[in-house]
């Protein structure tokens, strides 16, 4: 995953679970822009787990895609997402996320007031 200064995300590599965010499971040998994220505003931070990705936009929304195992995508389900999907819990609660972290079996978000959400 690559994040540009202009807030665009590019992805390449293995794509078994859709973790590149291109809407499919085709491996990509070279970086390709994640087009769906273009419509959600400027991305300010990304974090990649072993087979999933979290992306934070300048509006404080978090989008996730890739492997849904261990509930790491934050949608309450364990199925794969091939394209970025907003984590609705943060929107419903009015949480403005500024940073995220992704790991093997965890995902963490830090909101604008300094609180951590799991």
C-alpha atoms as a PDB file:
ATOM      1  CA  UNK A   1       0.000   0.000   0.000  1.00  0.00           C
ATOM      2  CA  UNK A   2       1.218   3.465  -0.896  1.00  0.00           C
ATOM      3  CA  UNK A   3      -0.261   6.805   0.203  1.00  0.00           C
ATOM      4  CA  UNK A   4       0.558   9.915  -1.825  1.00  0.00           C
ATOM      5  CA  UNK A   5       0.762  13.488  -0.538  1.00  0.00           C
ATOM      6  CA  UNK A   6      -2.417  14.167  -2.511  1.00  0.00           C
ATOM      7  CA  UNK A   7      -4.324  11.556  -0.478  1.00  0.00           C
ATOM      8  CA  UNK A   8      -4.455   8.855  -3.132  1.00  0.00           C
ATOM      9  CA  UNK A   9      -3.869   5.189  -2.312  1.00  0.00           C
ATOM     10  CA  UNK A  10      -2.061   2.772  -4.612  1.00  0.00           C
ATOM     11  CA  UNK A  11      -1.831  -0.979  -4.049  1.00  0.00           C
ATOM     12  CA  UNK A  12       0.086  -3.907  -5.494  1.00  0.00           C
ATOM     13  CA  UNK A  13       1.034  -7.443  -4.528  1.00  0.00           C
ATOM     14  CA  UNK A  14      -0.874 -10.535  -3.500  1.00  0.00           C
ATOM     15  CA  UNK A  15      -4.647 -10.124  -3.482  1.00  0.00           C
ATOM     16  CA  UNK A  16      -6.108 -13.418  -2.249  1.00  0.00           C
ATOM     17  CA  UNK A  17      -8.707 -11.715  -0.015  1.00  0.00           C
ATOM     18  CA  UNK A  18      -9.285  -8.534  -2.015  1.00  0.00           C
ATOM     19  CA  UNK A  19      -6.869  -6.637   0.218  1.00  0.00           C
ATOM     20  CA  UNK A  20      -5.732  -4.427  -2.666  1.00  0.00           C
ATOM     21  CA  UNK A  21      -9.195  -2.835  -2.800  1.00  0.00           C
ATOM     22  CA  UNK A  22      -9.635  -3.096  -6.579  1.00  0.00           C
ATOM     23  CA  UNK A  23     -12.879  -5.118  -6.400  1.00  0.00           C
ATOM     24  CA  UNK A  24     -11.311  -8.442  -7.364  1.00  0.00           C
ATOM     25  CA  UNK A  25      -8.734 -11.008  -6.250  1.00  0.00           C
ATOM     26  CA  UNK A  26      -6.213 -10.529  -9.068  1.00  0.00           C
ATOM     27  CA  UNK A  27      -2.601 -10.122  -7.968  1.00  0.00           C
ATOM     28  CA  UNK A  28      -1.016  -6.853  -9.154  1.00  0.00           C
ATOM     29  CA  UNK A  29       2.743  -6.738  -9.918  1.00  0.00           C
ATOM     30  CA  UNK A  30       2.784  -2.912 -10.077  1.00  0.00           C
ATOM     31  CA  UNK A  31       0.962  -0.210  -8.076  1.00  0.00           C
ATOM     32  CA  UNK A  32      -2.573   0.641  -9.224  1.00  0.00           C
ATOM     33  CA  UNK A  33      -4.709   3.405  -7.727  1.00  0.00           C
ATOM     34  CA  UNK A  34      -7.565   2.259  -5.471  1.00  0.00           C
ATOM     35  CA  UNK A  35     -10.226   4.084  -7.466  1.00  0.00           C
ATOM     36  CA  UNK A  36     -13.122   3.591  -5.047  1.00  0.00           C
ATOM     37  CA  UNK A  37     -11.309   5.599  -2.365  1.00  0.00           C
ATOM     38  CA  UNK A  38     -11.129   8.578  -4.750  1.00  0.00           C
ATOM     39  CA  UNK A  39     -14.828   9.207  -4.177  1.00  0.00           C
ATOM     40  CA  UNK A  40     -14.554   9.342  -0.389  1.00  0.00           C
ATOM     41  CA  UNK A  41     -12.226  12.341  -0.014  1.00  0.00           C
ATOM     42  CA  UNK A  42      -8.540  12.580   0.686  1.00  0.00           C
ATOM     43  CA  UNK A  43      -6.969   9.653   2.534  1.00  0.00           C
ATOM     44  CA  UNK A  44      -4.688  10.866   5.336  1.00  0.00           C
ATOM     45  CA  UNK A  45      -3.464   7.571   6.793  1.00  0.00           C
ATOM     46  CA  UNK A  46      -3.416   3.861   5.994  1.00  0.00           C
ATOM     47  CA  UNK A  47      -2.503   0.743   7.947  1.00  0.00           C
ATOM     48  CA  UNK A  48      -2.093  -2.736   6.527  1.00  0.00           C
ATOM     49  CA  UNK A  49      -2.527  -6.000   8.381  1.00  0.00           C
ATOM     50  CA  UNK A  50      -1.393  -9.316   6.927  1.00  0.00           C
ATOM     51  CA  UNK A  51      -4.325  -9.429   4.469  1.00  0.00           C
ATOM     52  CA  UNK A  52      -6.507  -6.379   5.139  1.00  0.00           C
ATOM     53  CA  UNK A  53      -6.227  -2.588   5.016  1.00  0.00           C
ATOM     54  CA  UNK A  54      -7.652   0.351   6.962  1.00  0.00           C
ATOM     55  CA  UNK A  55      -7.800   3.818   5.380  1.00  0.00           C
ATOM     56  CA  UNK A  56      -8.657   7.070   7.208  1.00  0.00           C
ATOM     57  CA  UNK A  57     -10.051  10.035   5.259  1.00  0.00           C
ATOM     58  CA  UNK A  58      -9.705  13.721   6.094  1.00  0.00           C
ATOM     59  CA  UNK A  59     -13.343  13.675   7.278  1.00  0.00           C
ATOM     60  CA  UNK A  60     -12.469  11.113   9.975  1.00  0.00           C
ATOM     61  CA  UNK A  61     -14.162   8.157   8.291  1.00  0.00           C
ATOM     62  CA  UNK A  62     -12.466   4.748   8.259  1.00  0.00           C
ATOM     63  CA  UNK A  63     -12.693   2.366   5.308  1.00  0.00           C
ATOM     64  CA  UNK A  64     -11.610  -1.258   5.466  1.00  0.00           C
ATOM     65  CA  UNK A  65     -11.086  -3.994   2.887  1.00  0.00           C
ATOM     66  CA  UNK A  66      -9.528  -7.428   2.527  1.00  0.00           C
ATOM     67  CA  UNK A  67      -9.799 -10.434   4.826  1.00  0.00           C
ATOM     68  CA  UNK A  68     -12.628 -10.276   7.344  1.00  0.00           C
ATOM     69  CA  UNK A  69     -11.192 -13.000   9.582  1.00  0.00           C
ATOM     70  CA  UNK A  70     -11.065 -12.214  13.303  1.00  0.00           C
ATOM     71  CA  UNK A  71     -13.565  -9.370  12.676  1.00  0.00           C
ATOM     72  CA  UNK A  72     -10.634  -7.040  11.828  1.00  0.00           C
ATOM     73  CA  UNK A  73     -12.622  -5.090   9.223  1.00  0.00           C
ATOM     74  CA  UNK A  74     -14.945  -3.689  11.873  1.00  0.00           C
ATOM     75  CA  UNK A  75     -18.230  -4.608  10.179  1.00  0.00           C
ATOM     76  CA  UNK A  76     -19.265  -7.308  12.665  1.00  0.00           C
ATOM     77  CA  UNK A  77     -18.850 -10.002  10.027  1.00  0.00           C
ATOM     78  CA  UNK A  78     -16.019 -12.278   8.952  1.00  0.00           C
ATOM     79  CA  UNK A  79     -16.375 -12.210   5.164  1.00  0.00           C
ATOM     80  CA  UNK A  80     -13.895 -10.606   2.784  1.00  0.00           C
ATOM     81  CA  UNK A  81     -14.458  -7.138   1.327  1.00  0.00           C
ATOM     82  CA  UNK A  82     -12.990  -6.629  -2.150  1.00  0.00           C
ATOM     83  CA  UNK A  83     -13.527  -2.858  -2.120  1.00  0.00           C
ATOM     84  CA  UNK A  84     -13.225  -0.223   0.619  1.00  0.00           C
ATOM     85  CA  UNK A  85     -16.291  -0.152   2.877  1.00  0.00           C
ATOM     86  CA  UNK A  86     -16.956   2.466   5.574  1.00  0.00           C
ATOM     87  CA  UNK A  87     -17.017   1.286   9.175  1.00  0.00           C
ATOM     88  CA  UNK A  88     -20.522   2.446  10.104  1.00  0.00           C
ATOM     89  CA  UNK A  89     -20.114   2.198  13.884  1.00  0.00           C
ATOM     90  CA  UNK A  90     -17.823   5.241  13.884  1.00  0.00           C
ATOM     91  CA  UNK A  91     -20.243   7.245  11.730  1.00  0.00           C
ATOM     92  CA  UNK A  92     -23.272   6.366  13.868  1.00  0.00           C
ATOM     93  CA  UNK A  93     -21.463   7.400  17.040  1.00  0.00           C
ATOM     94  CA  UNK A  94     -20.015  10.583  15.516  1.00  0.00           C
ATOM     95  CA  UNK A  95     -16.438   9.402  16.077  1.00  0.00           C
ATOM     96  CA  UNK A  96     -13.815  11.307  14.071  1.00  0.00           C
ATOM     97  CA  UNK A  97     -10.898   8.885  13.624  1.00  0.00           C
ATOM     98  CA  UNK A  98      -7.411  10.327  13.091  1.00  0.00           C
ATOM     99  CA  UNK A  99      -5.147   7.238  13.224  1.00  0.00           C
ATOM    100  CA  UNK A 100      -5.469   3.474  12.820  1.00  0.00           C
ATOM    101  CA  UNK A 101      -3.278   0.463  13.486  1.00  0.00           C
ATOM    102  CA  UNK A 102      -3.592  -2.980  11.918  1.00  0.00           C
ATOM    103  CA  UNK A 103      -2.084  -6.281  13.034  1.00  0.00           C
ATOM    104  CA  UNK A 104      -2.470 -10.038  12.764  1.00  0.00           C
ATOM    105  CA  UNK A 105      -5.585 -10.252  14.905  1.00  0.00           C
ATOM    106  CA  UNK A 106      -6.403  -6.685  15.895  1.00  0.00           C
ATOM    107  CA  UNK A 107      -7.443  -3.325  14.548  1.00  0.00           C
ATOM    108  CA  UNK A 108      -7.305  -0.127  16.612  1.00  0.00           C
ATOM    109  CA  UNK A 109      -8.528   3.424  15.915  1.00  0.00           C
ATOM    110  CA  UNK A 110      -7.598   6.652  17.717  1.00  0.00           C
ATOM    111  CA  UNK A 111     -10.194   9.402  17.643  1.00  0.00           C
ATOM    112  CA  UNK A 112      -9.671  13.158  17.620  1.00  0.00           C
ATOM    113  CA  UNK A 113     -10.081  13.425  21.405  1.00  0.00           C
ATOM    114  CA  UNK A 114      -7.351  10.838  22.021  1.00  0.00           C
ATOM    115  CA  UNK A 115      -9.617   7.884  22.832  1.00  0.00           C
ATOM    116  CA  UNK A 116      -8.889   4.411  21.489  1.00  0.00           C
ATOM    117  CA  UNK A 117     -11.605   2.308  19.866  1.00  0.00           C
ATOM    118  CA  UNK A 118     -11.210  -1.403  19.300  1.00  0.00           C
END
